[in-house]
Amino acid sequence: MSIRAVVHIGPIKTGSTALAAYFTRASGRGLLPADIVYPMGDLWFGRTATGAMRQCPEIARLLPNGDGSYRFATPGVEDAVSNVANTLRQLPGKGDKTAVFIAETVTDNRPTELIQDLFTSRFDEVVFIMVVRRQDKAAASELAQDIKTPNLFRVNLDPRVRQPLYGMPFGEFNHLRNYERWISGPDNYSLVVIPYLEGEHGSLTSIERFHAAAGLSKPVDLTGVEGQRIHPTFSRDGLMAIVRLKKRIQRWGWIPGVRDASLKKIQEVTRVYLQAANQNGIEPSGKRFKPFEFTRDESRWVLEQFDESNRELIARVDKGQFVDAWNKWEKALDL
């Protein structure tokens, strides 16, 4: 018997919340196969959720030491992962046992060795899964989320004014950079890269692909996950209404009452457009809800920033059983 860890490392905007919702609910309802554990509750800092619980707050948050190395910001992370590994070893049966973690640690400059060792030193086999999404779609979703975030005020829907990150706009979605940082590791470690295809939102297809990449049996039929909008993206009109209110706060927030009134109005606007987004309803303008997306020119501009790195990634990655999905992903890059 081997004990395995399967770790979804992101990046964000690639269906990780839907995946977390699946595992949270399946585990909470006792529907996961006996050889699969999703750490929560007593196995993970006492944390539970009715929606989507992930382990990334504890795994991804690091603090620098004085010598340039890093440590986990949450005390007891190493003990928690050890406890999960020991729990797997105690499960009955001679077959392999697997723990699934959702960590979203692929981006930024976190030290790969520290996070890899958290798992490779405790499990017999470790599979990190990285999901790649078209950068224009991921970037549009991220911008929309930034605008809906209450404490972010310097927001704009134009991707061309985005501040560079890791040398380029939306550098967190430079999949080649992320791949090169995580491809190597100890002998019991492997990285699997799978594509996220547009149009799979709200379906079990991306969850099924994750299971296949992880070497798990097919996901159970879980009512309430398929078709659900986890992070509904507002329409362009809805996002622009929030942008205007945030700009009012930036410019006139020093005047007594303006900030509080504007924040209250943002809450009202958010409720109205959230209802339209969740129910595909009618917006205040009378138009039917349509999720925000970049214009064709904006999408083309974003994809041009990643054209060379995407082509190199496609050439280098081991496509395994996902050749058809990779071909669809590559074809979708050509606008």
Protein backbone atom coordinates (compact mmCIF):
# COMPACT_ATOMS: atom_id res chain seq x y z
CA MET A 1 0.00 0.00 0.00
CA SER A 2 1.16 3.50 -0.84
CA ILE A 3 -0.14 6.74 0.57
CA ARG A 4 -0.45 9.54 -1.93
CA ALA A 5 -0.94 13.31 -1.83
CA VAL A 6 -2.59 15.09 -4.75
CA VAL A 7 -2.19 18.86 -4.58
CA HIS A 8 -3.99 21.36 -6.81
CA ILE A 9 -1.52 24.24 -7.04
CA GLY A 10 -3.54 26.65 -9.18
CA PRO A 11 -3.27 29.29 -10.36
CA ILE A 12 -6.42 31.15 -9.36
CA LYS A 13 -9.37 31.42 -11.74
CA THR A 14 -8.97 27.82 -12.94
CA GLY A 15 -11.92 26.16 -11.23
CA SER A 16 -10.30 25.51 -7.86
CA THR A 17 -13.30 26.83 -5.91
CA ALA A 18 -15.68 24.53 -7.79
CA LEU A 19 -13.29 21.66 -7.11
CA ALA A 20 -13.15 22.60 -3.43
CA ALA A 21 -16.96 22.76 -3.33
CA TYR A 22 -17.13 19.26 -4.76
CA PHE A 23 -14.68 17.74 -2.27
CA THR A 24 -16.09 19.71 0.68
CA ARG A 25 -19.63 18.52 0.05
CA ALA A 26 -18.70 14.98 -0.95
CA SER A 27 -16.59 14.61 2.18
CA GLY A 28 -19.19 16.25 4.42
CA ARG A 29 -21.89 13.92 3.12
CA GLY A 30 -19.72 10.83 3.43
CA LEU A 31 -19.76 10.21 -0.33
CA LEU A 32 -16.04 10.08 -1.05
CA PRO A 33 -14.59 6.62 -1.74
CA ALA A 34 -13.06 5.03 1.35
CA ASP A 35 -9.54 5.41 -0.07
CA ILE A 36 -9.78 9.21 -0.56
CA VAL A 37 -9.49 11.80 2.21
CA TYR A 38 -10.13 15.52 1.87
CA PRO A 39 -8.65 17.18 4.98
CA MET A 40 -11.15 19.29 6.89
CA GLY A 41 -12.62 19.42 10.36
CA ASP A 42 -10.46 17.58 12.90
CA LEU A 43 -7.97 16.76 10.13
CA TRP A 44 -7.44 20.42 9.23
CA PHE A 45 -7.34 23.01 12.02
CA GLY A 46 -10.99 22.38 12.87
CA ARG A 47 -12.09 24.19 9.72
CA THR A 48 -15.34 23.20 8.06
CA ALA A 49 -17.57 24.82 5.48
CA THR A 50 -20.92 24.31 3.83
CA GLY A 51 -19.63 25.74 0.56
CA ALA A 52 -16.00 25.35 -0.44
CA MET A 53 -13.13 24.80 1.98
CA ARG A 54 -9.52 24.86 0.79
CA GLN A 55 -6.24 24.21 2.55
CA CYS A 56 -4.43 27.07 0.78
CA PRO A 57 -4.70 29.63 3.63
CA GLU A 58 -2.41 27.48 5.75
CA ILE A 59 -0.17 26.03 3.03
CA ALA A 60 0.35 29.09 0.83
CA ARG A 61 1.01 31.73 3.49
CA LEU A 62 4.74 31.95 4.17
CA LEU A 63 6.91 34.29 6.21
CA PRO A 64 10.59 35.13 5.60
CA ASN A 65 13.28 34.15 8.07
CA GLY A 66 16.28 36.35 8.77
CA ASP A 67 18.58 34.16 6.65
CA GLY A 68 16.50 34.48 3.49
CA SER A 69 14.65 31.19 3.93
CA TYR A 70 10.91 30.91 4.55
CA ARG A 71 8.61 29.24 7.05
CA PHE A 72 4.89 28.57 7.14
CA ALA A 73 2.95 31.45 8.67
CA THR A 74 0.41 29.14 10.29
CA PRO A 75 1.87 27.18 13.22
CA GLY A 76 1.29 23.46 13.03
CA VAL A 77 1.03 23.04 9.25
CA GLU A 78 3.69 20.33 9.21
CA ASP A 79 1.93 18.47 12.04
CA ALA A 80 -1.42 18.75 10.25
CA VAL A 81 -0.05 17.24 7.03
CA SER A 82 1.67 14.50 9.05
CA ASN A 83 -1.64 13.74 10.74
CA VAL A 84 -3.33 13.38 7.35
CA ALA A 85 -0.59 11.01 6.18
CA ASN A 86 -0.89 8.92 9.36
CA THR A 87 -4.66 8.79 8.94
CA LEU A 88 -4.22 7.33 5.45
CA ARG A 89 -1.84 4.67 6.77
CA GLN A 90 -4.45 3.57 9.29
CA LEU A 91 -7.25 3.15 6.75
CA PRO A 92 -8.27 -0.47 6.13
CA GLY A 93 -7.51 -2.22 2.86
CA LYS A 94 -4.37 -3.01 0.88
CA GLY A 95 -4.91 -0.54 -1.95
CA ASP A 96 -3.39 2.92 -2.30
CA LYS A 97 -4.85 5.73 -0.21
CA THR A 98 -4.95 9.37 -1.36
CA ALA A 99 -5.34 12.76 0.31
CA VAL A 100 -6.40 15.70 -1.85
CA PHE A 101 -5.28 19.26 -1.05
CA ILE A 102 -6.14 22.53 -2.78
CA ALA A 103 -3.22 24.85 -2.16
CA GLU A 104 -2.97 27.38 -5.05
CA THR A 105 0.75 27.94 -4.58
CA VAL A 106 1.87 27.91 -8.20
CA THR A 107 2.29 31.65 -8.68
CA ASP A 108 4.55 34.32 -7.12
CA ASN A 109 8.00 33.48 -5.76
CA ARG A 110 7.20 31.03 -2.99
CA PRO A 111 10.07 28.57 -2.54
CA THR A 112 9.04 25.40 -4.33
CA GLU A 113 11.30 23.17 -2.22
CA LEU A 114 9.62 24.13 1.05
CA ILE A 115 6.13 23.33 -0.21
CA GLN A 116 7.22 20.19 -2.06
CA ASP A 117 8.99 18.89 1.05
CA LEU A 118 5.85 19.45 3.11
CA PHE A 119 4.35 16.56 1.14
CA THR A 120 7.23 14.49 -0.27
CA SER A 121 8.70 13.92 3.21
CA ARG A 122 5.40 12.53 4.49
CA PHE A 123 3.79 10.70 1.55
CA ASP A 124 5.06 7.88 -0.64
CA GLU A 125 3.89 9.55 -3.83
CA VAL A 126 3.06 13.20 -4.47
CA VAL A 127 1.31 14.61 -7.53
CA PHE A 128 1.06 18.37 -7.99
CA ILE A 129 -1.57 19.40 -10.55
CA MET A 130 -1.32 22.71 -12.35
CA VAL A 131 -4.27 23.93 -14.43
CA VAL A 132 -3.77 26.29 -17.38
CA ARG A 133 -6.49 28.61 -18.62
CA ARG A 134 -6.58 31.04 -21.51
CA GLN A 135 -4.99 34.16 -20.09
CA ASP A 136 -7.61 36.56 -21.46
CA LYS A 137 -10.40 34.64 -19.74
CA ALA A 138 -8.49 34.26 -16.48
CA ALA A 139 -7.48 37.94 -16.53
CA ALA A 140 -11.04 39.13 -17.18
CA SER A 141 -12.29 37.02 -14.27
CA GLU A 142 -9.54 38.35 -12.01
CA LEU A 143 -10.27 41.98 -12.92
CA ALA A 144 -13.96 41.44 -12.23
CA GLN A 145 -13.15 39.91 -8.86
CA ASP A 146 -10.86 42.83 -7.98
CA ILE A 147 -13.65 45.28 -8.75
CA LYS A 148 -16.10 43.37 -6.54
CA THR A 149 -13.58 43.26 -3.67
CA PRO A 150 -14.66 46.03 -1.23
CA ASN A 151 -11.20 47.24 -0.13
CA LEU A 152 -9.65 47.49 -3.62
CA PHE A 153 -10.15 50.95 -5.10
CA ARG A 154 -7.56 51.35 -7.89
CA VAL A 155 -9.51 49.28 -10.38
CA ASN A 156 -10.01 49.45 -14.13
CA LEU A 157 -11.61 47.15 -16.67
CA ASP A 158 -8.98 47.86 -19.32
CA PRO A 159 -6.35 45.07 -19.24
CA ARG A 160 -3.81 47.29 -20.99
CA VAL A 161 -3.33 49.47 -17.91
CA ARG A 162 -2.68 46.53 -15.59
CA GLN A 163 0.49 46.88 -13.52
CA PRO A 164 3.11 44.30 -14.58
CA LEU A 165 3.68 41.30 -12.33
CA TYR A 166 6.76 39.11 -12.76
CA GLY A 167 7.76 41.20 -15.76
CA MET A 168 4.46 41.38 -17.64
CA PRO A 169 0.77 42.25 -17.22
CA PHE A 170 -1.06 39.35 -15.56
CA GLY A 171 2.26 37.60 -15.07
CA GLU A 172 0.61 35.29 -12.54
CA PHE A 173 -0.88 33.52 -15.59
CA ASN A 174 2.45 32.99 -17.31
CA HIS A 175 2.00 29.24 -17.40
CA LEU A 176 5.46 28.54 -18.80
CA ARG A 177 7.10 30.40 -15.91
CA ASN A 178 4.99 28.47 -13.41
CA TYR A 179 5.72 25.18 -15.17
CA GLU A 180 9.47 25.75 -15.12
CA ARG A 181 9.42 26.55 -11.41
CA TRP A 182 7.51 23.40 -10.44
CA ILE A 183 8.48 20.73 -12.97
CA SER A 184 11.44 19.37 -11.00
CA GLY A 185 11.36 17.75 -7.59
CA PRO A 186 12.28 14.68 -5.52
CA ASP A 187 11.96 11.16 -6.90
CA ASN A 188 8.50 10.65 -5.39
CA TYR A 189 7.19 13.91 -6.89
CA SER A 190 5.57 14.62 -10.25
CA LEU A 191 3.86 17.59 -11.88
CA VAL A 192 0.83 17.09 -14.13
CA VAL A 193 -0.41 20.02 -16.22
CA ILE A 194 -3.97 19.99 -17.53
CA PRO A 195 -5.94 22.53 -19.58
CA TYR A 196 -9.06 24.38 -18.46
CA LEU A 197 -11.47 24.73 -21.35
CA GLU A 198 -13.97 27.58 -21.59
CA GLY A 199 -17.53 26.34 -21.70
CA GLU A 200 -16.89 23.81 -18.93
CA HIS A 201 -17.91 26.28 -16.25
CA GLY A 202 -20.67 24.83 -14.11
CA SER A 203 -20.12 21.28 -15.32
CA LEU A 204 -18.37 18.26 -13.87
CA THR A 205 -15.99 18.00 -16.84
CA SER A 206 -13.12 19.92 -15.27
CA ILE A 207 -13.60 17.99 -12.00
CA GLU A 208 -13.50 14.72 -13.94
CA ARG A 209 -10.29 15.81 -15.69
CA PHE A 210 -8.70 16.58 -12.31
CA HIS A 211 -9.62 13.11 -11.06
CA ALA A 212 -8.11 11.52 -14.17
CA ALA A 213 -4.90 13.54 -13.76
CA ALA A 214 -4.73 12.52 -10.10
CA GLY A 215 -5.28 8.84 -10.84
CA LEU A 216 -8.54 8.84 -8.89
CA SER A 217 -11.78 7.07 -9.67
CA LYS A 218 -14.48 9.15 -11.34
CA PRO A 219 -16.15 11.76 -9.12
CA VAL A 220 -19.40 10.83 -7.45
CA ASP A 221 -22.66 12.28 -8.73
CA LEU A 222 -23.12 15.23 -6.39
CA THR A 223 -26.34 17.21 -6.67
CA GLY A 224 -25.87 20.93 -6.16
CA VAL A 225 -22.41 21.34 -7.70
CA GLU A 226 -23.07 20.96 -11.42
CA GLY A 227 -24.40 24.18 -12.91
CA GLN A 228 -23.57 26.31 -9.87
CA ARG A 229 -21.92 29.69 -10.37
CA ILE A 230 -19.28 29.80 -7.63
CA HIS A 231 -17.89 33.29 -8.27
CA PRO A 232 -20.44 34.90 -10.59
CA THR A 233 -18.90 37.55 -12.81
CA PHE A 234 -21.11 40.61 -13.10
CA SER A 235 -22.00 42.20 -16.41
CA ARG A 236 -19.92 45.06 -17.80
CA ASP A 237 -22.66 47.49 -16.72
CA GLY A 238 -22.65 46.12 -13.19
CA LEU A 239 -18.87 46.31 -12.87
CA MET A 240 -18.77 49.83 -14.32
CA ALA A 241 -21.37 50.93 -11.77
CA ILE A 242 -19.07 49.76 -8.98
CA VAL A 243 -16.01 51.33 -10.65
CA ARG A 244 -17.76 54.72 -10.79
CA LEU A 245 -18.63 54.53 -7.10
CA LYS A 246 -15.08 53.55 -6.16
CA LYS A 247 -13.69 56.45 -8.18
CA ARG A 248 -16.07 58.75 -6.32
CA ILE A 249 -14.60 57.50 -3.05
CA GLN A 250 -11.05 58.00 -4.34
CA ARG A 251 -11.76 61.57 -5.37
CA TRP A 252 -14.32 62.80 -2.85
CA GLY A 253 -14.05 60.32 0.02
CA TRP A 254 -12.49 62.95 2.28
CA ILE A 255 -15.79 64.86 2.38
CA PRO A 256 -17.87 63.79 5.42
CA GLY A 257 -20.54 61.30 4.46
CA VAL A 258 -19.39 60.64 0.90
CA ARG A 259 -17.41 57.50 1.67
CA ASP A 260 -20.11 55.89 3.81
CA ALA A 261 -22.87 56.74 1.32
CA SER A 262 -20.83 55.40 -1.59
CA LEU A 263 -19.99 52.16 0.22
CA LYS A 264 -23.66 51.66 1.03
CA LYS A 265 -24.53 52.24 -2.61
CA ILE A 266 -21.88 49.68 -3.66
CA GLN A 267 -23.58 47.10 -1.44
CA GLU A 268 -26.94 47.88 -3.06
CA VAL A 269 -25.51 47.67 -6.58
CA THR A 270 -23.75 44.41 -5.70
CA ARG A 271 -27.01 42.83 -4.51
CA VAL A 272 -28.87 43.85 -7.67
CA TYR A 273 -26.27 42.60 -10.11
CA LEU A 274 -25.52 39.48 -8.07
CA GLN A 275 -29.16 38.50 -8.34
CA ALA A 276 -29.05 39.01 -12.10
CA ALA A 277 -25.82 37.00 -12.36
CA ASN A 278 -27.03 34.08 -10.27
CA GLN A 279 -30.40 33.83 -11.94
CA ASN A 280 -29.42 34.99 -15.44
CA GLY A 281 -32.07 37.61 -14.93
CA ILE A 282 -32.85 41.08 -16.17
CA GLU A 283 -30.60 43.97 -15.15
CA PRO A 284 -31.73 47.46 -14.10
CA SER A 285 -31.17 48.65 -17.69
CA GLY A 286 -33.70 46.11 -18.91
CA LYS A 287 -31.02 44.10 -20.71
CA ARG A 288 -30.59 40.40 -20.07
CA PHE A 289 -27.55 39.55 -17.96
CA LYS A 290 -24.35 38.76 -19.86
CA PRO A 291 -21.14 38.00 -17.92
CA PHE A 292 -18.31 40.48 -18.37
CA GLU A 293 -15.63 39.59 -20.87
CA PHE A 294 -12.95 41.49 -22.71
CA THR A 295 -13.61 42.90 -26.14
CA ARG A 296 -12.05 40.97 -28.99
CA ASP A 297 -9.22 43.52 -29.25
CA GLU A 298 -8.56 43.36 -25.51
CA SER A 299 -8.51 39.55 -25.57
CA ARG A 300 -6.15 39.55 -28.52
CA TRP A 301 -3.85 42.02 -26.74
CA VAL A 302 -3.70 39.85 -23.60
CA LEU A 303 -3.01 36.66 -25.55
CA GLU A 304 -0.28 38.37 -27.58
CA GLN A 305 1.65 38.94 -24.35
CA PHE A 306 1.76 35.17 -23.80
CA ASP A 307 1.95 33.90 -27.37
CA GLU A 308 5.58 32.79 -27.28
CA SER A 309 5.43 31.26 -23.81
CA ASN A 310 2.17 29.44 -24.55
CA ARG A 311 3.63 27.89 -27.70
CA GLU A 312 6.70 26.74 -25.81
CA LEU A 313 4.60 25.29 -23.00
CA ILE A 314 2.48 23.33 -25.48
CA ALA A 315 5.63 21.93 -27.05
CA ARG A 316 7.21 20.91 -23.75
CA VAL A 317 4.39 19.66 -21.54
CA ASP A 318 3.58 15.96 -21.29
CA LYS A 319 0.01 15.84 -22.55
CA GLY A 320 -0.54 12.24 -21.51
CA GLN A 321 -4.19 11.21 -21.74
CA PHE A 322 -5.32 14.77 -22.37
CA VAL A 323 -4.16 15.24 -25.97
CA ASP A 324 -7.65 16.13 -27.23
CA ALA A 325 -8.16 18.70 -24.48
CA TRP A 326 -4.75 20.23 -25.19
CA ASN A 327 -5.57 20.46 -28.90
CA LYS A 328 -8.80 22.31 -28.07
CA TRP A 329 -6.93 24.64 -25.72
CA GLU A 330 -4.32 25.43 -28.35
CA LYS A 331 -6.96 26.05 -31.00
CA ALA A 332 -8.81 28.45 -28.68
CA LEU A 333 -5.69 30.65 -28.45
CA ASP A 334 -6.09 31.72 -32.09
CA LEU A 335 -8.49 34.65 -32.22
